[in-house]
PDB file of all heavy atoms in Angstrom:
ATOM      1  N   PRO A   1      -6.577  -9.900  -0.198  1.00  0.00           N
ATOM      2  CA  PRO A   1      -5.494 -10.075  -1.178  1.00  0.00           C
ATOM      3  C   PRO A   1      -5.407  -8.926  -2.179  1.00  0.00           C
ATOM      4  O   PRO A   1      -4.306  -8.546  -2.599  1.00  0.00           O
ATOM      5  CB  PRO A   1      -5.846 -11.389  -1.871  1.00  0.00           C
ATOM      6  CG  PRO A   1      -6.644 -12.147  -0.844  1.00  0.00           C
ATOM      7  CD  PRO A   1      -7.451 -11.104  -0.141  1.00  0.00           C
ATOM      8  N   THR A   2      -6.566  -8.362  -2.560  1.00  0.00           N
ATOM      9  CA  THR A   2      -6.552  -7.237  -3.499  1.00  0.00           C
ATOM     10  C   THR A   2      -5.935  -6.005  -2.864  1.00  0.00           C
ATOM     11  O   THR A   2      -5.163  -5.268  -3.509  1.00  0.00           O
ATOM     12  CB  THR A   2      -7.981  -6.930  -3.978  1.00  0.00           C
ATOM     13  OG1 THR A   2      -8.551  -8.102  -4.567  1.00  0.00           O
ATOM     14  CG2 THR A   2      -7.976  -5.802  -4.999  1.00  0.00           C
ATOM     15  N   LEU A   3      -6.246  -5.757  -1.585  1.00  0.00           N
ATOM     16  CA  LEU A   3      -5.650  -4.615  -0.897  1.00  0.00           C
ATOM     17  C   LEU A   3      -4.138  -4.777  -0.789  1.00  0.00           C
ATOM     18  O   LEU A   3      -3.384  -3.805  -0.938  1.00  0.00           O
ATOM     19  CB  LEU A   3      -6.266  -4.478   0.495  1.00  0.00           C
ATOM     20  CG  LEU A   3      -7.745  -4.060   0.547  1.00  0.00           C
ATOM     21  CD1 LEU A   3      -8.274  -4.152   1.964  1.00  0.00           C
ATOM     22  CD2 LEU A   3      -7.925  -2.640   0.005  1.00  0.00           C
ATOM     23  N   LYS A   4      -3.684  -5.998  -0.580  1.00  0.00           N
ATOM     24  CA  LYS A   4      -2.245  -6.254  -0.523  1.00  0.00           C
ATOM     25  C   LYS A   4      -1.605  -6.075  -1.899  1.00  0.00           C
ATOM     26  O   LYS A   4      -0.435  -5.672  -1.996  1.00  0.00           O
ATOM     27  CB  LYS A   4      -1.993  -7.658   0.028  1.00  0.00           C
ATOM     28  CG  LYS A   4      -2.446  -7.816   1.479  1.00  0.00           C
ATOM     29  CD  LYS A   4      -2.431  -9.266   1.936  1.00  0.00           C
ATOM     30  CE  LYS A   4      -1.031  -9.800   2.045  1.00  0.00           C
ATOM     31  NZ  LYS A   4      -1.017 -11.169   2.622  1.00  0.00           N
ATOM     32  N   GLU A   5      -2.381  -6.351  -2.949  1.00  0.00           N
ATOM     33  CA  GLU A   5      -1.870  -6.121  -4.304  1.00  0.00           C
ATOM     34  C   GLU A   5      -1.640  -4.635  -4.552  1.00  0.00           C
ATOM     35  O   GLU A   5      -0.691  -4.253  -5.248  1.00  0.00           O
ATOM     36  CB  GLU A   5      -2.842  -6.680  -5.341  1.00  0.00           C
ATOM     37  CG  GLU A   5      -2.764  -8.185  -5.544  1.00  0.00           C
ATOM     38  CD  GLU A   5      -3.597  -8.630  -6.748  1.00  0.00           C
ATOM     39  OE1 GLU A   5      -3.343  -8.112  -7.863  1.00  0.00           O
ATOM     40  OE2 GLU A   5      -4.487  -9.471  -6.561  1.00  0.00           O
ATOM     41  N   PHE A   6      -2.536  -3.792  -3.999  1.00  0.00           N
ATOM     42  CA  PHE A   6      -2.354  -2.340  -4.142  1.00  0.00           C
ATOM     43  C   PHE A   6      -1.018  -1.932  -3.526  1.00  0.00           C
ATOM     44  O   PHE A   6      -0.265  -1.128  -4.101  1.00  0.00           O
ATOM     45  CB  PHE A   6      -3.498  -1.588  -3.469  1.00  0.00           C
ATOM     46  CG  PHE A   6      -4.699  -1.389  -4.342  1.00  0.00           C
ATOM     47  CD1 PHE A   6      -5.813  -2.199  -4.225  1.00  0.00           C
ATOM     48  CD2 PHE A   6      -4.719  -0.376  -5.297  1.00  0.00           C
ATOM     49  CE1 PHE A   6      -6.920  -2.013  -5.029  1.00  0.00           C
ATOM     50  CE2 PHE A   6      -5.820  -0.166  -6.108  1.00  0.00           C
ATOM     51  CZ  PHE A   6      -6.934  -1.001  -5.973  1.00  0.00           C
ATOM     52  N   ALA A   7      -0.741  -2.468  -2.327  1.00  0.00           N
ATOM     53  CA  ALA A   7       0.521  -2.127  -1.667  1.00  0.00           C
ATOM     54  C   ALA A   7       1.716  -2.597  -2.491  1.00  0.00           C
ATOM     55  O   ALA A   7       2.719  -1.875  -2.633  1.00  0.00           O
ATOM     56  CB  ALA A   7       0.557  -2.755  -0.279  1.00  0.00           C
ATOM     57  N   LYS A   8       1.621  -3.793  -3.043  1.00  0.00           N
ATOM     58  CA  LYS A   8       2.709  -4.330  -3.860  1.00  0.00           C
ATOM     59  C   LYS A   8       2.916  -3.498  -5.117  1.00  0.00           C
ATOM     60  O   LYS A   8       4.062  -3.236  -5.531  1.00  0.00           O
ATOM     61  CB  LYS A   8       2.394  -5.787  -4.231  1.00  0.00           C
ATOM     62  CG  LYS A   8       3.545  -6.520  -4.892  1.00  0.00           C
ATOM     63  CD  LYS A   8       4.710  -6.695  -3.933  1.00  0.00           C
ATOM     64  CE  LYS A   8       5.835  -7.502  -4.563  1.00  0.00           C
ATOM     65  NZ  LYS A   8       6.998  -7.651  -3.649  1.00  0.00           N
ATOM     66  N   ALA A   9       1.811  -3.052  -5.744  1.00  0.00           N
ATOM     67  CA  ALA A   9       1.919  -2.251  -6.964  1.00  0.00           C
ATOM     68  C   ALA A   9       2.532  -0.889  -6.680  1.00  0.00           C
ATOM     69  O   ALA A   9       3.237  -0.319  -7.529  1.00  0.00           O
ATOM     70  CB  ALA A   9       0.543  -2.091  -7.598  1.00  0.00           C
ATOM     71  N   LEU A  10       2.287  -0.349  -5.475  1.00  0.00           N
ATOM     72  CA  LEU A  10       2.835   0.962  -5.132  1.00  0.00           C
ATOM     73  C   LEU A  10       4.344   0.931  -4.912  1.00  0.00           C
ATOM     74  O   LEU A  10       4.989   1.982  -4.903  1.00  0.00           O
ATOM     75  CB  LEU A  10       2.148   1.506  -3.873  1.00  0.00           C
ATOM     76  CG  LEU A  10       0.710   2.012  -4.055  1.00  0.00           C
ATOM     77  CD1 LEU A  10       0.093   2.328  -2.701  1.00  0.00           C
ATOM     78  CD2 LEU A  10       0.664   3.238  -4.961  1.00  0.00           C
ATOM     79  N   GLU A  11       4.908  -0.240  -4.726  1.00  0.00           N
ATOM     80  CA  GLU A  11       6.344  -0.340  -4.492  1.00  0.00           C
ATOM     81  C   GLU A  11       7.145   0.176  -5.690  1.00  0.00           C
ATOM     82  O   GLU A  11       8.230   0.752  -5.521  1.00  0.00           O
ATOM     83  CB  GLU A  11       6.730  -1.787  -4.186  1.00  0.00           C
ATOM     84  CG  GLU A  11       6.211  -2.292  -2.848  1.00  0.00           C
ATOM     85  CD  GLU A  11       6.662  -3.709  -2.560  1.00  0.00           C
ATOM     86  OE1 GLU A  11       7.426  -4.275  -3.388  1.00  0.00           O
ATOM     87  OE2 GLU A  11       6.268  -4.275  -1.525  1.00  0.00           O
ATOM     88  N   THR A  12       6.603  -0.016  -6.894  1.00  0.00           N
ATOM     89  CA  THR A  12       7.315   0.416  -8.105  1.00  0.00           C
ATOM     90  C   THR A  12       6.634   1.601  -8.789  1.00  0.00           C
ATOM     91  O   THR A  12       7.120   2.057  -9.836  1.00  0.00           O
ATOM     92  CB  THR A  12       7.402  -0.755  -9.100  1.00  0.00           C
ATOM     93  OG1 THR A  12       6.082  -1.255  -9.373  1.00  0.00           O
ATOM     94  CG2 THR A  12       8.254  -1.880  -8.523  1.00  0.00           C
ATOM     95  N   ASN A  13       5.555   2.102  -8.218  1.00  0.00           N
ATOM     96  CA  ASN A  13       4.855   3.238  -8.835  1.00  0.00           C
ATOM     97  C   ASN A  13       5.557   4.536  -8.473  1.00  0.00           C
ATOM     98  O   ASN A  13       5.969   4.741  -7.322  1.00  0.00           O
ATOM     99  CB  ASN A  13       3.403   3.266  -8.354  1.00  0.00           C
ATOM    100  CG  ASN A  13       2.586   4.336  -9.060  1.00  0.00           C
ATOM    101  OD1 ASN A  13       2.650   5.504  -8.722  1.00  0.00           O
ATOM    102  ND2 ASN A  13       1.813   3.923 -10.060  1.00  0.00           N
ATOM    103  N   THR A  14       5.668   5.419  -9.442  1.00  0.00           N
ATOM    104  CA  THR A  14       6.383   6.681  -9.222  1.00  0.00           C
ATOM    105  C   THR A  14       5.494   7.904  -9.430  1.00  0.00           C
ATOM    106  O   THR A  14       6.011   9.027  -9.571  1.00  0.00           O
ATOM    107  CB  THR A  14       7.589   6.775 -10.160  1.00  0.00           C
ATOM    108  OG1 THR A  14       7.140   6.665 -11.531  1.00  0.00           O
ATOM    109  CG2 THR A  14       8.590   5.675  -9.874  1.00  0.00           C
ATOM    110  N   HIS A  15       4.172   7.716  -9.443  1.00  0.00           N
ATOM    111  CA  HIS A  15       3.275   8.851  -9.714  1.00  0.00           C
ATOM    112  C   HIS A  15       2.198   9.056  -8.641  1.00  0.00           C
ATOM    113  O   HIS A  15       1.776  10.191  -8.434  1.00  0.00           O
ATOM    114  CB  HIS A  15       2.607   8.671 -11.087  1.00  0.00           C
ATOM    115  CG  HIS A  15       3.565   8.658 -12.239  1.00  0.00           C
ATOM    116  ND1 HIS A  15       4.214   9.787 -12.689  1.00  0.00           N
ATOM    117  CD2 HIS A  15       4.011   7.639 -13.019  1.00  0.00           C
ATOM    118  CE1 HIS A  15       4.996   9.485 -13.702  1.00  0.00           C
ATOM    119  NE2 HIS A  15       4.889   8.167 -13.921  1.00  0.00           N
ATOM    120  N   VAL A  16       1.758   7.996  -7.981  1.00  0.00           N
ATOM    121  CA  VAL A  16       0.700   8.146  -6.962  1.00  0.00           C
ATOM    122  C   VAL A  16       1.297   8.840  -5.742  1.00  0.00           C
ATOM    123  O   VAL A  16       2.263   8.361  -5.143  1.00  0.00           O
ATOM    124  CB  VAL A  16       0.119   6.769  -6.576  1.00  0.00           C
ATOM    125  CG1 VAL A  16      -0.885   6.941  -5.441  1.00  0.00           C
ATOM    126  CG2 VAL A  16      -0.545   6.129  -7.781  1.00  0.00           C
ATOM    127  N   LYS A  17       0.685   9.949  -5.360  1.00  0.00           N
ATOM    128  CA  LYS A  17       1.164  10.726  -4.213  1.00  0.00           C
ATOM    129  C   LYS A  17       0.231  10.652  -3.004  1.00  0.00           C
ATOM    130  O   LYS A  17       0.664  10.888  -1.876  1.00  0.00           O
ATOM    131  CB  LYS A  17       1.354  12.190  -4.618  1.00  0.00           C
ATOM    132  CG  LYS A  17       2.432  12.403  -5.668  1.00  0.00           C
ATOM    133  CD  LYS A  17       2.616  13.884  -5.984  1.00  0.00           C
ATOM    134  CE  LYS A  17       3.731  14.082  -6.999  1.00  0.00           C
ATOM    135  NZ  LYS A  17       3.929  15.535  -7.316  1.00  0.00           N
ATOM    136  N   HIS A  18      -1.033  10.360  -3.257  1.00  0.00           N
ATOM    137  CA  HIS A  18      -2.013  10.292  -2.163  1.00  0.00           C
ATOM    138  C   HIS A  18      -2.809   8.993  -2.298  1.00  0.00           C
ATOM    139  O   HIS A  18      -3.435   8.738  -3.332  1.00  0.00           O
ATOM    140  CB  HIS A  18      -2.964  11.495  -2.205  1.00  0.00           C
ATOM    141  CG  HIS A  18      -2.259  12.811  -2.203  1.00  0.00           C
ATOM    142  ND1 HIS A  18      -1.864  13.442  -1.051  1.00  0.00           N
ATOM    143  CD2 HIS A  18      -1.891  13.621  -3.219  1.00  0.00           C
ATOM    144  CE1 HIS A  18      -1.269  14.584  -1.354  1.00  0.00           C
ATOM    145  NE2 HIS A  18      -1.271  14.726  -2.676  1.00  0.00           N
ATOM    146  N   PHE A  19      -2.776   8.196  -1.243  1.00  0.00           N
ATOM    147  CA  PHE A  19      -3.490   6.918  -1.261  1.00  0.00           C
ATOM    148  C   PHE A  19      -4.324   6.818   0.012  1.00  0.00           C
ATOM    149  O   PHE A  19      -3.806   6.971   1.122  1.00  0.00           O
ATOM    150  CB  PHE A  19      -2.512   5.751  -1.329  1.00  0.00           C
ATOM    151  CG  PHE A  19      -3.158   4.434  -1.672  1.00  0.00           C
ATOM    152  CD1 PHE A  19      -3.238   4.016  -2.984  1.00  0.00           C
ATOM    153  CD2 PHE A  19      -3.712   3.631  -0.687  1.00  0.00           C
ATOM    154  CE1 PHE A  19      -3.838   2.805  -3.316  1.00  0.00           C
ATOM    155  CE2 PHE A  19      -4.308   2.433  -0.998  1.00  0.00           C
ATOM    156  CZ  PHE A  19      -4.379   2.010  -2.324  1.00  0.00           C
ATOM    157  N   SER A  20      -5.630   6.522  -0.156  1.00  0.00           N
ATOM    158  CA  SER A  20      -6.542   6.471   0.986  1.00  0.00           C
ATOM    159  C   SER A  20      -7.388   5.202   0.912  1.00  0.00           C
ATOM    160  O   SER A  20      -8.026   4.937  -0.096  1.00  0.00           O
ATOM    161  CB  SER A  20      -7.457   7.708   1.005  1.00  0.00           C
ATOM    162  OG  SER A  20      -8.319   7.692   2.120  1.00  0.00           O
ATOM    163  N   LEU A  21      -7.366   4.436   1.997  1.00  0.00           N
ATOM    164  CA  LEU A  21      -8.196   3.232   2.083  1.00  0.00           C
ATOM    165  C   LEU A  21      -8.906   3.171   3.434  1.00  0.00           C
ATOM    166  O   LEU A  21      -8.917   2.147   4.119  1.00  0.00           O
ATOM    167  CB  LEU A  21      -7.360   1.975   1.842  1.00  0.00           C
ATOM    168  CG  LEU A  21      -6.225   1.609   2.798  1.00  0.00           C
ATOM    169  CD1 LEU A  21      -5.898   0.119   2.678  1.00  0.00           C
ATOM    170  CD2 LEU A  21      -4.976   2.404   2.536  1.00  0.00           C
ATOM    171  N   ALA A  22      -9.514   4.293   3.818  1.00  0.00           N
ATOM    172  CA  ALA A  22     -10.253   4.353   5.085  1.00  0.00           C
ATOM    173  C   ALA A  22     -11.538   3.546   4.975  1.00  0.00           C
ATOM    174  O   ALA A  22     -12.207   3.529   3.935  1.00  0.00           O
ATOM    175  CB  ALA A  22     -10.571   5.803   5.444  1.00  0.00           C
ATOM    176  N   ALA A  23     -11.888   2.865   6.067  1.00  0.00           N
ATOM    177  CA  ALA A  23     -13.132   2.090   6.152  1.00  0.00           C
ATOM    178  C   ALA A  23     -13.247   1.061   5.039  1.00  0.00           C
ATOM    179  O   ALA A  23     -14.266   0.944   4.364  1.00  0.00           O
ATOM    180  CB  ALA A  23     -14.350   3.032   6.137  1.00  0.00           C
ATOM    181  N   THR A  24     -12.179   0.316   4.835  1.00  0.00           N
ATOM    182  CA  THR A  24     -12.185  -0.756   3.837  1.00  0.00           C
ATOM    183  C   THR A  24     -12.010  -2.130   4.481  1.00  0.00           C
ATOM    184  O   THR A  24     -11.717  -3.097   3.780  1.00  0.00           O
ATOM    185  CB  THR A  24     -11.054  -0.536   2.814  1.00  0.00           C
ATOM    186  OG1 THR A  24      -9.811  -0.410   3.519  1.00  0.00           O
ATOM    187  CG2 THR A  24     -11.298   0.712   1.980  1.00  0.00           C
ATOM    188  N   ARG A  25     -12.154  -2.202   5.797  1.00  0.00           N
ATOM    189  CA  ARG A  25     -11.983  -3.447   6.552  1.00  0.00           C
ATOM    190  C   ARG A  25     -10.550  -3.978   6.466  1.00  0.00           C
ATOM    191  O   ARG A  25     -10.316  -5.193   6.546  1.00  0.00           O
ATOM    192  CB  ARG A  25     -12.982  -4.515   6.106  1.00  0.00           C
ATOM    193  CG  ARG A  25     -14.443  -4.110   6.242  1.00  0.00           C
ATOM    194  CD  ARG A  25     -15.379  -5.211   5.817  1.00  0.00           C
ATOM    195  NE  ARG A  25     -16.772  -4.780   5.882  1.00  0.00           N
ATOM    196  CZ  ARG A  25     -17.531  -4.864   6.964  1.00  0.00           C
ATOM    197  NH1 ARG A  25     -17.029  -5.356   8.094  1.00  0.00           N
ATOM    198  NH2 ARG A  25     -18.793  -4.459   6.949  1.00  0.00           N
ATOM    199  N   SER A  26      -9.613  -3.076   6.302  1.00  0.00           N
ATOM    200  CA  SER A  26      -8.210  -3.491   6.253  1.00  0.00           C
ATOM    201  C   SER A  26      -7.759  -3.956   7.633  1.00  0.00           C
ATOM    202  O   SER A  26      -8.167  -3.409   8.651  1.00  0.00           O
ATOM    203  CB  SER A  26      -7.337  -2.321   5.788  1.00  0.00           C
ATOM    204  OG  SER A  26      -7.689  -1.939   4.474  1.00  0.00           O
ATOM    205  N   ASN A  27      -6.877  -4.953   7.655  1.00  0.00           N
ATOM    206  CA  ASN A  27      -6.417  -5.521   8.921  1.00  0.00           C
ATOM    207  C   ASN A  27      -4.887  -5.487   8.983  1.00  0.00           C
ATOM    208  O   ASN A  27      -4.232  -4.803   8.202  1.00  0.00           O
ATOM    209  CB  ASN A  27      -6.950  -6.944   9.081  1.00  0.00           C
ATOM    210  CG  ASN A  27      -6.638  -7.823   7.879  1.00  0.00           C
ATOM    211  OD1 ASN A  27      -5.845  -7.454   7.021  1.00  0.00           O
ATOM    212  ND2 ASN A  27      -7.265  -8.994   7.815  1.00  0.00           N
ATOM    213  N   ASP A  28      -4.327  -6.250   9.923  1.00  0.00           N
ATOM    214  CA  ASP A  28      -2.873  -6.233  10.118  1.00  0.00           C
ATOM    215  C   ASP A  28      -2.096  -6.700   8.889  1.00  0.00           C
ATOM    216  O   ASP A  28      -1.065  -6.092   8.555  1.00  0.00           O
ATOM    217  CB  ASP A  28      -2.512  -7.088  11.333  1.00  0.00           C
ATOM    218  CG  ASP A  28      -2.854  -6.387  12.636  1.00  0.00           C
ATOM    219  OD1 ASP A  28      -2.989  -5.153  12.628  1.00  0.00           O
ATOM    220  OD2 ASP A  28      -2.988  -7.072  13.677  1.00  0.00           O
ATOM    221  N   PRO A  29      -2.499  -7.788   8.197  1.00  0.00           N
ATOM    222  CA  PRO A  29      -1.745  -8.171   6.981  1.00  0.00           C
ATOM    223  C   PRO A  29      -1.689  -7.045   5.949  1.00  0.00           C
ATOM    224  O   PRO A  29      -0.662  -6.896   5.265  1.00  0.00           O
ATOM    225  CB  PRO A  29      -2.526  -9.388   6.469  1.00  0.00           C
ATOM    226  CG  PRO A  29      -3.137  -9.990   7.698  1.00  0.00           C
ATOM    227  CD  PRO A  29      -3.501  -8.821   8.558  1.00  0.00           C
ATOM    228  N   VAL A  30      -2.766  -6.281   5.827  1.00  0.00           N
ATOM    229  CA  VAL A  30      -2.750  -5.151   4.888  1.00  0.00           C
ATOM    230  C   VAL A  30      -1.780  -4.081   5.378  1.00  0.00           C
ATOM    231  O   VAL A  30      -1.003  -3.509   4.592  1.00  0.00           O
ATOM    232  CB  VAL A  30      -4.174  -4.575   4.726  1.00  0.00           C
ATOM    233  CG1 VAL A  30      -4.139  -3.338   3.830  1.00  0.00           C
ATOM    234  CG2 VAL A  30      -5.110  -5.619   4.145  1.00  0.00           C
ATOM    235  N   ALA A  31      -1.797  -3.813   6.690  1.00  0.00           N
ATOM    236  CA  ALA A  31      -0.880  -2.818   7.246  1.00  0.00           C
ATOM    237  C   ALA A  31       0.570  -3.235   7.055  1.00  0.00           C
ATOM    238  O   ALA A  31       1.436  -2.408   6.727  1.00  0.00           O
ATOM    239  CB  ALA A  31      -1.190  -2.604   8.730  1.00  0.00           C
ATOM    240  N   VAL A  32       0.859  -4.522   7.235  1.00  0.00           N
ATOM    241  CA  VAL A  32       2.225  -5.014   7.037  1.00  0.00           C
ATOM    242  C   VAL A  32       2.641  -4.874   5.569  1.00  0.00           C
ATOM    243  O   VAL A  32       3.780  -4.504   5.258  1.00  0.00           O
ATOM    244  CB  VAL A  32       2.323  -6.491   7.490  1.00  0.00           C
ATOM    245  CG1 VAL A  32       3.671  -7.076   7.093  1.00  0.00           C
ATOM    246  CG2 VAL A  32       2.117  -6.588   8.995  1.00  0.00           C
ATOM    247  N   ALA A  33       1.698  -5.126   4.650  1.00  0.00           N
ATOM    248  CA  ALA A  33       2.011  -4.987   3.221  1.00  0.00           C
ATOM    249  C   ALA A  33       2.323  -3.525   2.879  1.00  0.00           C
ATOM    250  O   ALA A  33       3.249  -3.246   2.108  1.00  0.00           O
ATOM    251  CB  ALA A  33       0.834  -5.490   2.385  1.00  0.00           C
ATOM    252  N   PHE A  34       1.573  -2.595   3.456  1.00  0.00           N
ATOM    253  CA  PHE A  34       1.842  -1.176   3.192  1.00  0.00           C
ATOM    254  C   PHE A  34       3.126  -0.729   3.895  1.00  0.00           C
ATOM    255  O   PHE A  34       3.801   0.190   3.424  1.00  0.00           O
ATOM    256  CB  PHE A  34       0.652  -0.318   3.621  1.00  0.00           C
ATOM    257  CG  PHE A  34      -0.403  -0.210   2.564  1.00  0.00           C
ATOM    258  CD1 PHE A  34      -1.397  -1.164   2.449  1.00  0.00           C
ATOM    259  CD2 PHE A  34      -0.399   0.850   1.665  1.00  0.00           C
ATOM    260  CE1 PHE A  34      -2.369  -1.077   1.472  1.00  0.00           C
ATOM    261  CE2 PHE A  34      -1.360   0.957   0.674  1.00  0.00           C
ATOM    262  CZ  PHE A  34      -2.358  -0.007   0.579  1.00  0.00           C
ATOM    263  N   ALA A  35       3.458  -1.362   5.011  1.00  0.00           N
ATOM    264  CA  ALA A  35       4.734  -1.057   5.654  1.00  0.00           C
ATOM    265  C   ALA A  35       5.894  -1.471   4.756  1.00  0.00           C
ATOM    266  O   ALA A  35       6.879  -0.721   4.609  1.00  0.00           O
ATOM    267  CB  ALA A  35       4.813  -1.773   7.004  1.00  0.00           C
ATOM    268  N   ASP A  36       5.794  -2.637   4.131  1.00  0.00           N
ATOM    269  CA  ASP A  36       6.832  -3.074   3.193  1.00  0.00           C
ATOM    270  C   ASP A  36       6.932  -2.109   2.013  1.00  0.00           C
ATOM    271  O   ASP A  36       8.036  -1.837   1.503  1.00  0.00           O
ATOM    272  CB  ASP A  36       6.535  -4.487   2.700  1.00  0.00           C
ATOM    273  CG  ASP A  36       6.624  -5.525   3.809  1.00  0.00           C
ATOM    274  OD1 ASP A  36       7.302  -5.251   4.819  1.00  0.00           O
ATOM    275  OD2 ASP A  36       5.993  -6.594   3.688  1.00  0.00           O
ATOM    276  N   MET A  37       5.777  -1.592   1.577  1.00  0.00           N
ATOM    277  CA  MET A  37       5.783  -0.644   0.471  1.00  0.00           C
ATOM    278  C   MET A  37       6.495   0.652   0.848  1.00  0.00           C
ATOM    279  O   MET A  37       7.257   1.222   0.059  1.00  0.00           O
ATOM    280  CB  MET A  37       4.331  -0.352   0.051  1.00  0.00           C
ATOM    281  CG  MET A  37       4.176   0.701  -1.036  1.00  0.00           C
ATOM    282  SD  MET A  37       4.026   2.402  -0.413  1.00  0.00           S
ATOM    283  CE  MET A  37       2.545   2.307   0.549  1.00  0.00           C
ATOM    284  N   LEU A  38       6.262   1.130   2.098  1.00  0.00           N
ATOM    285  CA  LEU A  38       6.851   2.401   2.520  1.00  0.00           C
ATOM    286  C   LEU A  38       8.374   2.326   2.607  1.00  0.00           C
ATOM    287  O   LEU A  38       9.056   3.347   2.539  1.00  0.00           O
ATOM    288  CB  LEU A  38       6.275   2.811   3.878  1.00  0.00           C
ATOM    289  CG  LEU A  38       4.805   3.257   3.879  1.00  0.00           C
ATOM    290  CD1 LEU A  38       4.321   3.489   5.295  1.00  0.00           C
ATOM    291  CD2 LEU A  38       4.630   4.520   3.033  1.00  0.00           C
ATOM    292  N   ARG A  39       8.920   1.138   2.734  1.00  0.00           N
ATOM    293  CA  ARG A  39      10.368   1.001   2.825  1.00  0.00           C
ATOM    294  C   ARG A  39      11.065   1.251   1.481  1.00  0.00           C
ATOM    295  O   ARG A  39      12.249   1.599   1.453  1.00  0.00           O
ATOM    296  CB  ARG A  39      10.736  -0.398   3.336  1.00  0.00           C
ATOM    297  CG  ARG A  39      10.416  -0.608   4.812  1.00  0.00           C
ATOM    298  CD  ARG A  39      10.957  -1.950   5.297  1.00  0.00           C
ATOM    299  NE  ARG A  39      10.790  -2.098   6.741  1.00  0.00           N
ATOM    300  CZ  ARG A  39       9.739  -2.648   7.325  1.00  0.00           C
ATOM    301  NH1 ARG A  39       8.746  -3.120   6.564  1.00  0.00           N
ATOM    302  NH2 ARG A  39       9.676  -2.734   8.641  1.00  0.00           N
ATOM    303  N   VAL A  40      10.315   1.094   0.369  1.00  0.00           N
ATOM    304  CA  VAL A  40      10.948   1.228  -0.951  1.00  0.00           C
ATOM    305  C   VAL A  40      10.327   2.344  -1.791  1.00  0.00           C
ATOM    306  O   VAL A  40      10.942   2.781  -2.768  1.00  0.00           O
ATOM    307  CB  VAL A  40      10.861  -0.110  -1.725  1.00  0.00           C
ATOM    308  CG1 VAL A  40      11.658  -1.186  -1.004  1.00  0.00           C
ATOM    309  CG2 VAL A  40       9.410  -0.555  -1.887  1.00  0.00           C
ATOM    310  N   ASN A  41       9.120   2.798  -1.433  1.00  0.00           N
ATOM    311  CA  ASN A  41       8.460   3.833  -2.223  1.00  0.00           C
ATOM    312  C   ASN A  41       9.038   5.201  -1.888  1.00  0.00           C
ATOM    313  O   ASN A  41       9.185   5.554  -0.716  1.00  0.00           O
ATOM    314  CB  ASN A  41       6.946   3.818  -1.959  1.00  0.00           C
ATOM    315  CG  ASN A  41       6.192   4.829  -2.801  1.00  0.00           C
ATOM    316  OD1 ASN A  41       6.212   6.018  -2.526  1.00  0.00           O
ATOM    317  ND2 ASN A  41       5.509   4.344  -3.832  1.00  0.00           N
ATOM    318  N   ASN A  42       9.339   5.988  -2.919  1.00  0.00           N
ATOM    319  CA  ASN A  42       9.902   7.323  -2.731  1.00  0.00           C
ATOM    320  C   ASN A  42       9.023   8.422  -3.307  1.00  0.00           C
ATOM    321  O   ASN A  42       9.491   9.545  -3.512  1.00  0.00           O
ATOM    322  CB  ASN A  42      11.292   7.401  -3.384  1.00  0.00           C
ATOM    323  CG  ASN A  42      12.280   6.452  -2.748  1.00  0.00           C
ATOM    324  OD1 ASN A  42      12.309   6.297  -1.521  1.00  0.00           O
ATOM    325  ND2 ASN A  42      13.097   5.790  -3.577  1.00  0.00           N
ATOM    326  N   THR A  43       7.748   8.098  -3.546  1.00  0.00           N
ATOM    327  CA  THR A  43       6.858   9.070  -4.177  1.00  0.00           C
ATOM    328  C   THR A  43       5.671   9.431  -3.298  1.00  0.00           C
ATOM    329  O   THR A  43       5.234  10.591  -3.280  1.00  0.00           O
ATOM    330  CB  THR A  43       6.326   8.509  -5.516  1.00  0.00           C
ATOM    331  OG1 THR A  43       7.438   8.119  -6.333  1.00  0.00           O
ATOM    332  CG2 THR A  43       5.510   9.543  -6.259  1.00  0.00           C
TER     333      THR A  43
END
């Protein structure tokens, strides 16, 4: 849930340019949350 919160927070963030979560045990729900973020994030 915390990893999904990061994705949700990035939807409205306009300053973070590089985000890395390698080897964090992320799974498909996390990937889907970041996919939703990529649809609206322009930074």
